[in-house]
Amino acid sequence: MASVITASDPSWIGPFAGLSPRVFRKLITVLRREGADEVRPGRPWSLSLEDRVLLVAAYWRTNLTLRQLAPLFGISKSAADRIVDHIGPLLALKQRQRFRKGAVLIVDGTLVPTRDHFVAEQSKNYRYSTNHQVVIDADTQLVVVVGRPLPGNRNDCKAWAESGAKAAVGKTITIADGGYPGTGLVMPHRRSPGGELCDWKREHNRSHKQVRARVEHVFARMKTWKILRDCRLKGDGVHHAMLGIARLHNLLRAG
């Protein structure tokens, strides 16, 4: 089969990977340095590393089925399936181990509708979803930590610790919304029953809301990769997709 989409034509990279050709080339260079293109036993890949990465990014970006996407790259559906399984984990975000002095982070949970009911539960959106705790740097708006996915009916307060995000952040100052009571995170002030907040607390809440909105903007940008609106991957696939898209988002953000 002759391919239609190929990374050798830069015009395909923007619509299907969400990256500029320059940033895409930078990503390929880093992946090669990390050993993504090493020769392995068995049959060689039918696509170059560039085309394999573009296929996975296109799968995440468009959420087309592999049966629809594979012919566009001139390969079979089973070959495309193997490429997604191999390249997906290699694209995963390398999560931050240390944070600069004085860093301020923001955490929030986002729901990803997921068809694998072994890792998902019905959530407040009435769909089977997974809860992902995402931590960003408040200054750069880069994703620094993504917790393990939990069932969508798990509230953010518990998911913060159970997903591993709390351990990854450590004692770094972290901002959150009002759904994280008792966690030690910086939350907005709550009004006592029948009472009113004083002026300085209202002002603090206003500035807190403006800063915390940055994580919502990150979610909006990440969900332009449509697989995060209806994920068909099984097992760890949704986690690999979330980590990979976080890495692509950071590359796009950093330019």
Protein backbone atom coordinates (compact mmCIF):
# COMPACT_ATOMS: atom_id res chain seq x y z
CA MET A 1 0.00 0.00 0.00
CA ALA A 2 1.21 3.50 -0.79
CA SER A 3 1.16 5.91 2.15
CA VAL A 4 -0.80 9.13 2.05
CA ILE A 5 0.48 10.71 5.25
CA THR A 6 4.23 10.90 5.83
CA ALA A 7 6.53 12.98 8.02
CA SER A 8 8.76 13.60 5.00
CA ASP A 9 6.11 16.10 3.89
CA PRO A 10 6.13 18.79 6.64
CA SER A 11 2.60 19.94 5.74
CA TRP A 12 1.18 16.81 7.46
CA ILE A 13 2.96 17.40 10.78
CA GLY A 14 1.00 20.40 12.04
CA PRO A 15 -2.55 19.03 11.51
CA PHE A 16 -1.76 15.47 12.64
CA ALA A 17 0.85 15.95 15.38
CA GLY A 18 -0.10 19.39 16.68
CA LEU A 19 3.56 20.47 16.49
CA SER A 20 5.54 22.64 14.12
CA PRO A 21 7.97 20.76 11.82
CA ARG A 22 10.92 22.29 13.73
CA VAL A 23 9.63 21.08 17.12
CA PHE A 24 8.75 17.69 15.62
CA ARG A 25 12.34 17.29 14.36
CA LYS A 26 13.61 18.23 17.81
CA LEU A 27 11.39 15.52 19.34
CA ILE A 28 12.71 12.91 16.90
CA THR A 29 16.31 13.85 17.75
CA VAL A 30 15.62 13.40 21.47
CA LEU A 31 13.86 10.06 20.90
CA ARG A 32 16.82 8.77 18.87
CA ARG A 33 19.16 9.86 21.66
CA GLU A 34 16.96 7.90 24.09
CA GLY A 35 17.28 4.77 21.94
CA ALA A 36 13.82 4.73 20.32
CA ASP A 37 15.26 3.72 16.93
CA GLU A 38 17.56 0.94 18.09
CA VAL A 39 17.58 -2.22 15.97
CA ARG A 40 15.51 -4.94 17.61
CA PRO A 41 15.22 -8.68 16.92
CA GLY A 42 12.63 -9.83 14.40
CA ARG A 43 11.11 -8.08 11.43
CA PRO A 44 12.15 -4.45 10.93
CA TRP A 45 9.55 -1.71 11.23
CA SER A 46 7.73 -0.94 7.98
CA LEU A 47 7.83 2.80 8.78
CA SER A 48 10.66 5.14 9.72
CA LEU A 49 10.82 6.49 13.27
CA GLU A 50 9.46 9.84 12.04
CA ASP A 51 6.41 8.19 10.48
CA ARG A 52 5.84 5.96 13.51
CA VAL A 53 5.85 8.96 15.85
CA LEU A 54 3.55 10.85 13.47
CA LEU A 55 1.16 7.89 13.38
CA VAL A 56 0.89 7.76 17.18
CA ALA A 57 0.49 11.53 17.43
CA ALA A 58 -2.16 11.44 14.70
CA TYR A 59 -3.99 8.65 16.54
CA TRP A 60 -4.05 10.72 19.71
CA ARG A 61 -4.85 13.94 17.84
CA THR A 62 -7.73 12.73 15.67
CA ASN A 63 -9.00 9.72 17.67
CA LEU A 64 -9.62 7.91 14.40
CA THR A 65 -9.68 4.14 14.78
CA LEU A 66 -6.52 2.31 13.76
CA ARG A 67 -8.54 0.60 11.04
CA GLN A 68 -9.19 4.07 9.58
CA LEU A 69 -5.71 5.49 10.22
CA ALA A 70 -3.47 2.58 9.15
CA PRO A 71 -4.26 2.76 5.38
CA LEU A 72 -3.31 6.45 5.41
CA PHE A 73 0.21 5.39 6.41
CA GLY A 74 0.24 2.46 3.99
CA ILE A 75 0.31 -0.29 6.65
CA SER A 76 -2.06 -2.85 8.13
CA LYS A 77 -4.20 -2.30 11.20
CA SER A 78 -2.20 -4.87 13.20
CA ALA A 79 1.08 -3.13 12.29
CA ALA A 80 -0.37 0.21 13.42
CA ASP A 81 -1.48 -1.44 16.67
CA ARG A 82 2.08 -2.64 17.36
CA ILE A 83 3.48 0.81 16.61
CA VAL A 84 1.09 2.47 19.09
CA ASP A 85 2.03 -0.09 21.77
CA HIS A 86 5.75 0.48 21.15
CA ILE A 87 5.98 4.24 20.59
CA GLY A 88 3.31 5.36 23.09
CA PRO A 89 5.38 4.60 26.22
CA LEU A 90 8.52 6.09 24.58
CA LEU A 91 6.73 9.43 24.18
CA ALA A 92 5.78 9.54 27.86
CA LEU A 93 6.64 12.68 29.82
CA LYS A 94 9.75 12.40 31.98
CA GLN A 95 8.25 13.66 35.20
CA ARG A 96 10.06 16.25 37.28
CA GLN A 97 12.00 14.89 40.27
CA ARG A 98 13.11 18.23 41.71
CA PHE A 99 11.65 21.72 41.60
CA ARG A 100 13.44 25.03 41.69
CA LYS A 101 13.53 26.99 44.93
CA GLY A 102 10.40 29.12 45.30
CA ALA A 103 8.45 27.18 42.65
CA VAL A 104 4.67 27.28 42.86
CA LEU A 105 2.67 24.41 41.39
CA ILE A 106 -1.02 23.97 40.57
CA VAL A 107 -2.88 20.66 40.73
CA ASP A 108 -6.28 19.62 39.49
CA GLY A 109 -7.98 16.45 38.36
CA THR A 110 -9.45 15.89 34.92
CA LEU A 111 -11.75 13.10 33.76
CA VAL A 112 -10.95 11.12 30.62
CA PRO A 113 -13.87 9.04 29.26
CA THR A 114 -12.41 5.54 28.92
CA ARG A 115 -14.00 2.44 27.37
CA ASP A 116 -11.92 -0.04 29.37
CA HIS A 117 -14.21 -0.57 32.35
CA PHE A 118 -11.49 -2.41 34.26
CA VAL A 119 -9.73 0.92 34.91
CA ALA A 120 -12.77 3.24 34.79
CA GLU A 121 -15.94 3.90 36.77
CA GLN A 122 -19.00 6.02 36.22
CA SER A 123 -18.23 9.57 37.30
CA LYS A 124 -20.07 12.87 37.68
CA ASN A 125 -20.31 13.18 33.89
CA TYR A 126 -22.29 9.88 33.90
CA ARG A 127 -19.66 8.23 31.69
CA TYR A 128 -17.07 5.60 32.51
CA SER A 129 -13.98 7.73 33.09
CA THR A 130 -10.55 7.78 34.68
CA ASN A 131 -9.40 10.50 37.06
CA HIS A 132 -5.98 11.98 36.23
CA GLN A 133 -4.20 14.28 38.69
CA VAL A 134 -2.17 16.78 36.68
CA VAL A 135 0.37 19.17 38.22
CA ILE A 136 1.70 22.19 36.31
CA ASP A 137 4.27 24.89 37.02
CA ALA A 138 2.33 28.08 37.75
CA ASP A 139 4.87 30.28 35.93
CA THR A 140 5.56 28.31 32.76
CA GLN A 141 2.28 26.34 32.57
CA LEU A 142 4.32 23.24 31.73
CA VAL A 143 3.08 19.87 32.98
CA VAL A 144 5.51 18.53 35.59
CA VAL A 145 3.65 15.54 37.09
CA VAL A 146 0.82 13.28 35.93
CA GLY A 147 -0.49 10.80 38.49
CA ARG A 148 -1.54 7.24 37.76
CA PRO A 149 -5.13 7.06 36.46
CA LEU A 150 -7.76 6.12 39.01
CA PRO A 151 -11.46 5.28 38.56
CA GLY A 152 -13.51 8.37 37.74
CA ASN A 153 -15.66 8.10 40.86
CA ARG A 154 -12.61 8.72 43.09
CA ASN A 155 -12.70 12.26 44.45
CA ASP A 156 -9.72 14.55 43.94
CA CYS A 157 -8.87 14.61 47.63
CA LYS A 158 -8.16 10.85 47.68
CA ALA A 159 -6.82 10.70 44.13
CA TRP A 160 -4.14 13.28 45.01
CA ALA A 161 -2.43 10.79 47.34
CA GLU A 162 -3.37 7.49 45.68
CA SER A 163 -2.21 8.51 42.19
CA GLY A 164 1.33 9.25 43.38
CA ALA A 165 1.08 12.96 42.57
CA LYS A 166 1.44 13.95 46.22
CA ALA A 167 4.64 11.94 46.65
CA ALA A 168 6.08 13.36 43.41
CA VAL A 169 5.44 16.97 44.47
CA GLY A 170 6.77 16.56 48.01
CA LYS A 171 6.79 19.79 50.04
CA THR A 172 6.66 22.18 47.07
CA ILE A 173 3.96 24.85 47.47
CA THR A 174 0.93 23.67 45.48
CA ILE A 175 -2.33 25.47 44.74
CA ALA A 176 -5.63 23.59 44.43
CA ASP A 177 -9.37 24.24 44.33
CA GLY A 178 -11.75 23.61 47.24
CA GLY A 179 -11.97 19.89 46.53
CA TYR A 180 -8.75 19.04 48.41
CA PRO A 181 -9.61 19.58 52.12
CA GLY A 182 -7.14 18.21 54.65
CA THR A 183 -4.36 17.76 52.12
CA GLY A 184 -2.25 20.77 53.12
CA LEU A 185 -2.59 22.33 49.68
CA VAL A 186 -3.23 26.06 49.26
CA MET A 187 -7.01 26.31 48.81
CA PRO A 188 -9.47 29.23 48.71
CA HIS A 189 -10.96 30.45 51.98
CA ARG A 190 -14.34 29.00 52.88
CA ARG A 191 -17.20 31.03 54.25
CA SER A 192 -18.53 29.80 57.58
CA PRO A 193 -22.27 28.95 57.68
CA GLY A 194 -24.23 32.17 57.94
CA GLY A 195 -21.09 34.29 57.84
CA GLU A 196 -19.23 36.38 55.29
CA LEU A 197 -15.60 36.52 54.25
CA CYS A 198 -13.61 39.58 55.21
CA ASP A 199 -12.22 41.82 52.47
CA TRP A 200 -8.69 40.42 52.46
CA LYS A 201 -9.98 36.84 52.18
CA ARG A 202 -12.25 37.77 49.27
CA GLU A 203 -9.30 39.43 47.54
CA HIS A 204 -7.13 36.39 48.20
CA ASN A 205 -9.80 34.10 46.74
CA ARG A 206 -10.04 36.28 43.65
CA SER A 207 -6.29 36.15 42.97
CA HIS A 208 -6.21 32.43 43.84
CA LYS A 209 -8.93 31.76 41.24
CA GLN A 210 -7.07 33.73 38.56
CA VAL A 211 -3.86 31.78 39.11
CA ARG A 212 -5.56 28.38 39.42
CA ALA A 213 -7.36 28.95 36.11
CA ARG A 214 -4.04 28.28 34.37
CA VAL A 215 -4.42 24.53 34.93
CA GLU A 216 -7.84 24.67 33.24
CA HIS A 217 -6.21 26.35 30.24
CA VAL A 218 -3.67 23.50 30.13
CA PHE A 219 -6.49 20.92 30.15
CA ALA A 220 -8.19 22.74 27.28
CA ARG A 221 -4.99 22.66 25.22
CA MET A 222 -4.26 19.01 26.04
CA LYS A 223 -7.76 17.95 25.02
CA THR A 224 -7.23 19.21 21.50
CA TRP A 225 -5.73 15.70 21.26
CA LYS A 226 -9.16 14.11 20.98
CA ILE A 227 -8.26 10.74 22.45
CA LEU A 228 -8.64 12.44 25.87
CA ARG A 229 -12.34 12.92 25.07
CA ASP A 230 -13.04 9.24 24.34
CA CYS A 231 -10.16 6.83 24.92
CA ARG A 232 -10.46 3.34 23.38
CA LEU A 233 -7.06 2.12 24.63
CA LYS A 234 -6.96 -0.67 27.20
CA GLY A 235 -4.90 -1.14 30.33
CA ASP A 236 -2.04 1.34 30.62
CA GLY A 237 -2.90 2.85 27.23
CA VAL A 238 -4.81 5.78 28.72
CA HIS A 239 -1.90 6.54 31.07
CA HIS A 240 0.64 6.42 28.23
CA ALA A 241 -1.59 8.68 26.13
CA MET A 242 -1.93 11.19 28.96
CA LEU A 243 1.83 11.25 29.58
CA GLY A 244 2.63 11.45 25.87
CA ILE A 245 0.18 14.29 25.28
CA ALA A 246 1.60 16.12 28.31
CA ARG A 247 5.04 15.89 26.67
CA LEU A 248 3.69 17.14 23.31
CA HIS A 249 1.92 19.98 25.11
CA ASN A 250 5.17 20.98 26.83
CA LEU A 251 7.06 20.93 23.53
CA LEU A 252 4.38 23.07 21.92
CA ARG A 253 4.35 25.43 24.88
CA ALA A 254 8.13 25.76 25.02
CA GLY A 255 8.38 26.17 21.24
